Protein backbone atom coordinates (compact mmCIF):
# COMPACT_ATOMS: atom_id res chain seq x y z
CA MET A 1 0.15 -0.10 -0.02
CA THR A 2 1.63 3.47 -0.47
CA ASN A 3 1.42 6.42 1.70
CA GLY A 4 -1.41 8.02 0.10
CA LEU A 5 -3.70 5.01 0.42
CA LYS A 6 -2.87 4.32 3.92
CA ASP A 7 -3.45 8.21 4.86
CA LYS A 8 -6.87 7.92 3.12
CA GLN A 9 -8.13 4.92 5.20
CA ASN A 10 -6.54 6.90 8.25
CA TRP A 11 -8.73 9.44 7.85
CA TRP A 12 -11.91 7.50 7.05
CA VAL A 13 -11.86 5.33 10.14
CA ALA A 14 -10.87 9.34 11.95
CA CYS A 15 -14.33 10.44 9.90
CA MET A 16 -16.46 7.37 11.08
CA PHE A 17 -14.74 7.65 14.82
CA LEU A 18 -15.52 10.77 15.25
CA MET A 19 -19.40 10.43 13.69
CA ALA A 20 -20.16 7.28 15.60
CA THR A 21 -18.87 8.94 18.48
CA THR A 22 -21.14 12.12 18.06
CA LEU A 23 -24.03 9.71 17.44
CA SER A 24 -24.00 7.92 20.21
CA GLY A 25 -24.35 10.85 22.74
CA CYS A 26 -20.31 11.09 23.35
CA SER A 27 -19.97 14.10 21.72
CA PRO A 28 -17.07 16.18 22.89
CA LYS A 29 -19.70 18.67 24.33
CA THR A 30 -19.88 20.14 28.02
CA GLU A 31 -23.18 19.93 29.85
CA ARG A 32 -24.78 23.44 30.09
CA GLU A 33 -26.45 24.38 33.49
CA PRO A 34 -29.98 24.46 33.90
CA SER A 35 -32.38 27.40 33.19
CA PRO A 36 -34.14 28.47 35.81
CA SER A 37 -37.06 27.14 35.05
CA GLN A 38 -35.43 23.90 34.68
CA ALA A 39 -33.82 23.95 38.34
CA PRO A 40 -35.52 21.86 40.25
CA VAL A 41 -37.80 22.84 43.00
CA SER A 42 -36.78 23.40 46.62
CA THR A 43 -39.51 21.64 49.21
CA ARG A 44 -38.00 22.91 52.48
CA HIS A 45 -40.74 25.09 53.99
CA ALA A 46 -40.33 27.64 56.47
CA LEU A 47 -40.25 26.18 60.31
CA PRO A 48 -43.67 26.03 62.35
CA LYS A 49 -44.36 28.56 64.73
CA PHE A 50 -45.43 26.90 68.09
CA THR A 51 -47.92 29.09 70.51
CA PRO A 52 -49.80 27.89 73.77
CA VAL A 53 -52.92 26.12 72.64
CA PRO A 54 -56.18 27.50 73.82
CA GLY A 55 -57.59 25.34 76.82
CA THR A 56 -54.20 23.55 78.13
CA GLY A 57 -52.88 26.21 80.49
CA ASN A 58 -49.99 27.05 78.52
CA ALA A 59 -49.23 22.88 79.21
CA ILE A 60 -49.26 21.97 75.03
CA ASN A 61 -48.01 23.88 72.49
CA GLY A 62 -48.88 23.30 68.76
CA ALA A 63 -48.54 25.03 65.40
CA THR A 64 -50.30 24.80 62.40
CA LEU A 65 -49.24 23.32 59.51
CA PHE A 66 -52.22 23.46 57.12
CA THR A 67 -55.89 25.20 56.85
CA VAL A 68 -57.69 24.80 53.82
CA ALA A 69 -61.16 26.15 53.26
CA LEU A 70 -63.83 23.63 52.19
CA PRO A 71 -67.44 25.46 51.42
CA ASP A 72 -69.10 23.39 49.74
CA LEU A 73 -69.12 21.24 53.01
CA GLY A 74 -69.32 24.78 55.35
CA SER A 75 -65.90 23.40 56.89
CA THR A 76 -62.61 23.94 57.24
CA LEU A 77 -59.37 21.08 57.04
CA ARG A 78 -56.91 21.88 59.77
CA ILE A 79 -53.56 19.69 60.27
CA ARG A 80 -51.86 20.66 63.23
CA THR A 81 -49.11 19.52 65.31
CA VAL A 82 -49.05 19.68 69.08
CA THR A 83 -46.00 19.26 71.78
CA ILE A 84 -46.66 16.84 74.64
CA PRO A 85 -44.54 17.03 78.04
CA PRO A 86 -43.87 14.30 80.47
CA GLN A 87 -46.62 15.56 82.88
CA GLU A 88 -50.46 15.14 82.23
CA VAL A 89 -52.19 17.22 80.49
CA ASP A 90 -55.65 17.59 79.04
CA LEU A 91 -56.10 18.73 75.41
CA PRO A 92 -59.88 20.01 74.97
CA ILE A 93 -61.35 18.75 71.85
CA SER A 94 -63.23 21.43 69.98
CA SER A 95 -64.52 19.43 66.80
CA GLU A 96 -64.02 15.55 65.70
CA MET A 97 -60.75 14.86 65.17
CA LEU A 98 -57.79 12.32 64.25
CA LEU A 99 -54.70 12.45 66.75
CA GLU A 100 -51.73 11.00 65.56
CA VAL A 101 -48.37 10.06 67.55
CA ARG A 102 -46.03 11.15 65.12
CA SER A 103 -43.16 10.69 68.04
CA GLY A 104 -42.77 9.78 71.17
CA ASP A 105 -44.62 7.30 73.36
CA LEU A 106 -47.49 8.66 75.70
CA ILE A 107 -49.79 7.57 77.41
CA THR A 108 -53.51 8.61 76.85
CA VAL A 109 -57.02 8.55 78.67
CA THR A 110 -60.34 9.11 77.01
CA GLU A 111 -63.60 8.36 78.84
CA GLY A 112 -61.93 7.07 81.74
CA ARG A 113 -59.91 3.97 79.13
CA GLN A 114 -56.08 4.49 79.36
CA ASN A 115 -54.13 3.41 76.86
CA GLU A 116 -50.46 3.52 75.75
CA ARG A 117 -50.03 4.79 72.59
CA GLN A 118 -46.46 4.61 70.22
CA PRO A 119 -45.64 6.54 67.63
CA GLY A 120 -48.29 6.03 63.83
CA ASP A 121 -50.82 4.87 66.13
CA MET A 122 -54.51 6.89 65.35
CA TRP A 123 -57.95 7.16 67.47
CA LEU A 124 -60.65 9.63 67.13
CA ALA A 125 -61.71 11.99 69.39
CA ILE A 126 -65.18 13.38 69.74
CA LYS A 127 -66.12 16.63 69.93
CA GLY A 128 -66.54 18.06 73.43
CA SER A 129 -64.33 15.50 74.43
CA ARG A 130 -61.13 16.11 76.99
CA VAL A 131 -57.93 13.72 75.92
CA ARG A 132 -55.75 13.25 78.75
CA MET A 133 -52.44 12.66 77.91
CA LYS A 134 -48.48 12.17 79.03
CA ALA A 135 -45.32 11.92 77.36
CA LEU A 136 -43.68 9.04 79.04
CA HIS A 137 -39.88 10.59 77.82
CA GLU A 138 -39.03 13.69 77.53
CA LEU A 139 -41.74 14.39 75.01
CA ALA A 140 -44.52 13.45 72.27
CA VAL A 141 -45.33 15.03 69.73
CA VAL A 142 -48.73 14.29 67.78
CA ARG A 143 -51.02 15.19 64.98
CA LEU A 144 -54.90 16.91 65.17
CA ILE A 145 -56.32 16.59 61.79
CA ASP A 146 -60.22 18.18 61.97
CA LEU A 147 -63.25 19.45 60.10
CA VAL A 148 -64.55 23.07 61.73
CA SER A 149 -67.84 23.65 61.04
CA THR A 150 -67.52 27.66 59.47
CA THR A 151 -71.57 27.61 59.41
CA GLU A 152 -72.01 27.28 63.16
């Protein structure tokens, strides 16, 4: 083979290699930064502000996490979280409410029945009742979900 023919073959091999790498996505281009509209959305939320829960003598602190009006039902859905100290406290129930232990262990007394509750436990409380609670250790966190009538 002559040098001219060998140079042509090397040139074609180089061209084929370049085309193959370009078509396979291995181009030498550098990736650009995503535009602000493509950037991931931050999911961080501000820390909720805890304030004393009315009717508890400042023994229970709570924060509202979510509230939405439901005009077709004449109600508002509330999702709150409260902290329960390691002493007996009464939580007044102003509307039918679902309670869930989020962290910590506690003892509850409702209608004379005592129950030991752990994270993940859920129960219903009836409007007008009082739930007596006590954290078994330093603190317990309880989620309260209720539907408050806006027509009464």
